[in-house]
N, C-alpha and C. Protein backbone atom coordinates (compact mmCIF):
# COMPACT_ATOMS: atom_id res chain seq x y z
N MET A 1 1.22 -0.86 0.26
CA MET A 1 -0.08 -0.05 -0.23
C MET A 1 1.13 1.16 -0.29
N SER A 2 -0.01 2.04 -0.83
CA SER A 2 1.20 3.20 -0.78
C SER A 2 1.02 4.36 0.65
N THR A 3 1.50 4.91 1.04
CA THR A 3 1.35 6.14 2.53
C THR A 3 0.60 6.58 1.97
N SER A 4 -0.14 7.56 0.64
CA SER A 4 -1.32 7.94 0.51
C SER A 4 -2.53 7.87 1.05
N GLU A 5 -2.60 5.95 0.89
CA GLU A 5 -4.10 5.86 1.48
C GLU A 5 -3.78 4.91 3.17
N PRO A 6 -3.42 5.78 3.85
CA PRO A 6 -3.96 5.14 5.49
C PRO A 6 -4.70 5.00 5.78
N HIS A 7 -5.83 5.20 5.29
CA HIS A 7 -6.75 4.94 5.47
C HIS A 7 -7.31 3.38 5.09
N MET A 8 -7.01 3.28 3.65
CA MET A 8 -7.21 1.58 3.62
C MET A 8 -5.99 0.77 4.33
N GLU A 9 -5.36 1.06 4.18
CA GLU A 9 -4.32 0.27 5.27
C GLU A 9 -4.81 0.03 6.49
N ASN A 10 -5.32 0.84 7.45
CA ASN A 10 -5.81 0.74 8.55
C ASN A 10 -7.68 -0.26 8.47
N PHE A 11 -7.84 0.05 7.65
CA PHE A 11 -9.00 -0.75 7.54
C PHE A 11 -8.46 -1.67 7.67
N LEU A 12 -7.59 -2.25 6.22
CA LEU A 12 -7.21 -3.96 6.23
C LEU A 12 -7.10 -4.56 7.43
N ASN A 13 -6.13 -3.43 8.34
CA ASN A 13 -5.37 -4.64 9.50
C ASN A 13 -6.82 -4.55 10.52
N GLN A 14 -7.74 -3.60 10.52
CA GLN A 14 -8.54 -4.13 10.99
C GLN A 14 -9.64 -4.94 11.08
N LYS A 15 -9.56 -5.17 9.88
CA LYS A 15 -10.26 -6.30 9.00
C LYS A 15 -9.40 -7.43 9.72
N LYS A 16 -8.25 -7.70 9.49
CA LYS A 16 -7.31 -8.91 9.41
C LYS A 16 -7.16 -9.57 10.96
N ARG A 17 -7.73 -8.42 12.02
CA ARG A 17 -7.78 -8.56 13.52
C ARG A 17 -9.26 -9.49 13.83
N ILE A 18 -10.35 -8.87 12.51
CA ILE A 18 -11.40 -9.43 13.19
C ILE A 18 -11.57 -10.87 12.70
N LYS A 19 -11.37 -11.05 11.64
CA LYS A 19 -11.18 -12.27 11.00
C LYS A 19 -10.33 -13.32 11.95
N ASN A 20 -9.00 -12.66 12.38
CA ASN A 20 -8.02 -13.95 13.43
C ASN A 20 -8.01 -13.45 14.79
N PRO A 21 -9.14 -12.87 15.46
CA PRO A 21 -9.34 -13.06 16.77
C PRO A 21 -8.68 -13.65 17.62
N LEU A 22 -8.85 -14.83 17.26
CA LEU A 22 -7.38 -15.38 18.14
C LEU A 22 -6.34 -15.75 18.07
N VAL A 23 -5.34 -15.27 17.04
CA VAL A 23 -4.28 -15.57 16.73
C VAL A 23 -3.32 -15.08 17.41
N PRO A 24 -3.56 -13.75 18.16
CA PRO A 24 -3.24 -12.92 19.38
C PRO A 24 -2.79 -13.67 20.28
N VAL A 25 -4.09 -14.07 20.45
CA VAL A 25 -4.50 -14.49 21.58
C VAL A 25 -3.11 -16.14 21.91
N GLY A 26 -3.12 -16.37 20.53
CA GLY A 26 -2.52 -18.05 20.69
C GLY A 26 -0.76 -17.25 20.76
N ALA A 27 -0.29 -15.95 20.50
CA ALA A 27 0.93 -15.76 19.88
C ALA A 27 0.86 -15.28 21.34
N LEU A 28 0.28 -14.41 22.32
CA LEU A 28 0.49 -13.77 23.61
C LEU A 28 0.80 -15.39 24.61
N MET A 29 0.38 -16.43 24.54
CA MET A 29 -0.03 -17.89 25.06
C MET A 29 1.29 -18.31 24.87
N THR A 30 2.11 -18.16 23.51
CA THR A 30 3.33 -19.14 23.24
C THR A 30 4.65 -18.21 23.90
N ALA A 31 4.18 -16.66 23.61
CA ALA A 31 5.09 -16.41 24.62
C ALA A 31 5.34 -16.00 26.13
N GLY A 32 4.11 -16.62 26.37
CA GLY A 32 4.50 -16.51 28.13
C GLY A 32 4.59 -18.13 28.60
N VAL A 33 4.62 -18.63 27.95
CA VAL A 33 4.88 -20.13 27.95
C VAL A 33 6.35 -20.41 27.46
N LEU A 34 6.60 -19.93 26.82
CA LEU A 34 8.32 -19.65 26.26
C LEU A 34 9.19 -18.68 27.44
N THR A 35 8.50 -17.70 27.84
CA THR A 35 9.41 -16.91 29.24
C THR A 35 8.88 -18.09 30.28
N ALA A 36 7.74 -18.68 30.77
CA ALA A 36 7.64 -19.31 31.97
C ALA A 36 9.00 -20.35 31.41
N GLY A 37 9.36 -21.00 30.66
CA GLY A 37 10.43 -21.86 30.23
C GLY A 37 11.41 -21.59 30.66
N LEU A 38 11.63 -20.25 30.06
CA LEU A 38 13.08 -20.04 29.88
C LEU A 38 13.32 -19.67 31.92
N VAL A 39 13.02 -19.24 31.86
CA VAL A 39 13.26 -19.24 33.67
C VAL A 39 12.94 -19.54 34.49
N SER A 40 12.30 -21.01 34.56
CA SER A 40 12.33 -22.38 35.42
C SER A 40 14.23 -23.03 34.88
N PHE A 41 14.33 -22.40 33.70
CA PHE A 41 15.66 -23.21 32.61
C PHE A 41 16.62 -22.66 33.77
N ARG A 42 16.59 -21.17 33.76
CA ARG A 42 17.22 -20.58 34.48
C ARG A 42 17.14 -20.56 36.03
N GLN A 43 16.89 -21.15 36.15
CA GLN A 43 16.16 -21.08 37.59
C GLN A 43 16.97 -22.49 38.51
N GLY A 44 17.26 -23.69 37.92
CA GLY A 44 18.08 -24.80 37.82
C GLY A 44 16.56 -26.11 38.00
N ASN A 45 15.18 -25.71 37.49
CA ASN A 45 14.68 -26.54 37.52
C ASN A 45 14.04 -27.25 35.95
N SER A 46 15.02 -28.03 35.54
CA SER A 46 15.13 -28.37 33.75
C SER A 46 13.83 -29.29 33.83
N ARG A 47 13.33 -30.03 34.44
CA ARG A 47 12.28 -31.02 33.84
C ARG A 47 11.25 -29.81 33.90
N LEU A 48 10.69 -29.06 34.04
CA LEU A 48 9.69 -28.21 34.74
C LEU A 48 9.90 -27.34 33.09
N GLY A 49 11.26 -26.75 33.04
CA GLY A 49 11.59 -25.93 31.77
C GLY A 49 11.54 -26.78 30.63
N GLN A 50 11.74 -28.15 30.32
CA GLN A 50 11.25 -29.22 29.47
C GLN A 50 9.80 -29.35 29.38
N LEU A 51 9.39 -29.58 30.27
CA LEU A 51 7.86 -29.84 30.37
C LEU A 51 7.08 -28.41 29.42
N LEU A 52 7.58 -27.26 29.97
CA LEU A 52 7.37 -25.97 29.06
C LEU A 52 7.77 -25.99 27.82
N MET A 53 8.63 -26.15 27.67
CA MET A 53 8.97 -25.98 26.07
C MET A 53 8.08 -27.17 24.93
N ARG A 54 7.57 -28.13 25.89
CA ARG A 54 6.91 -29.07 24.93
C ARG A 54 5.26 -28.64 24.68
N ALA A 55 4.69 -27.52 26.06
CA ALA A 55 3.60 -26.69 25.42
C ALA A 55 3.64 -26.10 25.14
N ARG A 56 4.92 -25.36 25.22
CA ARG A 56 5.29 -23.68 24.02
C ARG A 56 4.84 -24.73 23.01
N VAL A 57 5.51 -26.02 21.97
CA VAL A 57 5.43 -26.26 21.13
C VAL A 57 4.07 -26.64 20.62
N VAL A 58 2.86 -27.37 21.48
CA VAL A 58 1.84 -27.54 21.46
C VAL A 58 1.19 -25.67 21.02
N VAL A 59 0.83 -24.79 21.88
CA VAL A 59 0.56 -24.17 22.23
C VAL A 59 1.00 -23.38 20.35
N GLN A 60 2.30 -23.06 20.49
CA GLN A 60 2.62 -22.65 18.70
C GLN A 60 2.04 -23.08 17.80
N GLY A 61 1.91 -24.74 17.45
CA GLY A 61 0.80 -25.21 16.76
C GLY A 61 -0.49 -25.52 16.56
N ALA A 62 -0.92 -24.88 17.68
CA ALA A 62 -2.30 -24.95 17.73
C ALA A 62 -2.40 -23.29 16.69
N THR A 63 -1.74 -22.30 17.14
CA THR A 63 -1.77 -21.09 16.99
C THR A 63 -1.32 -21.36 15.31
N VAL A 64 -0.34 -21.52 15.03
CA VAL A 64 -0.29 -21.65 13.30
C VAL A 64 -2.01 -22.62 12.48
N ALA A 65 -2.09 -23.30 13.57
CA ALA A 65 -3.66 -23.86 12.88
C ALA A 65 -4.61 -22.76 12.76
N LEU A 66 -5.02 -22.37 13.92
CA LEU A 66 -5.64 -21.13 13.05
C LEU A 66 -5.63 -20.25 12.33
N MET A 67 -4.02 -20.02 12.33
CA MET A 67 -4.45 -18.98 11.01
C MET A 67 -4.54 -19.37 9.79
N VAL A 68 -4.15 -21.00 9.53
CA VAL A 68 -4.22 -21.96 8.39
C VAL A 68 -5.47 -21.64 8.15
N GLY A 69 -6.25 -22.36 9.35
CA GLY A 69 -8.04 -22.51 9.44
C GLY A 69 -8.38 -20.83 9.11
N THR A 70 -7.93 -20.15 9.60
CA THR A 70 -9.09 -18.90 9.17
C THR A 70 -8.59 -18.33 7.81
N ALA A 71 -7.57 -18.58 7.81
CA ALA A 71 -7.00 -18.42 5.54
C ALA A 71 -7.58 -19.23 5.15
N TYR A 72 -8.19 -20.57 5.40
CA TYR A 72 -8.92 -21.54 4.36
C TYR A 72 -10.62 -21.09 4.69
N TYR A 73 -10.88 -20.71 5.45
CA TYR A 73 -12.05 -20.09 5.66
C TYR A 73 -12.81 -19.39 5.34
N TYR A 74 -11.67 -17.81 5.06
CA TYR A 74 -11.56 -16.67 4.61
C TYR A 74 -11.38 -16.61 3.19
N GLY A 75 -10.55 -17.44 2.73
CA GLY A 75 -10.13 -17.84 1.57
C GLY A 75 -11.18 -17.58 0.03
N GLU A 76 -10.75 -17.29 -1.13
CA GLU A 76 -11.06 -16.77 -2.28
C GLU A 76 -12.32 -17.96 -2.15
N LYS A 77 -14.45 -17.11 -2.60
CA LYS A 77 -15.05 -18.16 -2.20
C LYS A 77 -15.58 -18.18 -3.95
N LYS A 78 -15.65 -19.78 -4.60
CA LYS A 78 -16.31 -19.01 -5.52
C LYS A 78 -18.11 -19.11 -5.36
């Protein structure tokens, strides 16, 4: 988009948020689990840290699945 159409760019960004409301939530959850895992590794609790890293992979996979699912659902319809 060119800089002469900021209204259209804002509209498209808003539309993306409406179509994918759970993707930002999934991204925040992924970041939270990652942070908790890194903190537990730093504190020496490697068992909990490893469990949280596995949980991060699951949450991250769910976020990607949401992105793909919503892209498929809102994709071009004939």
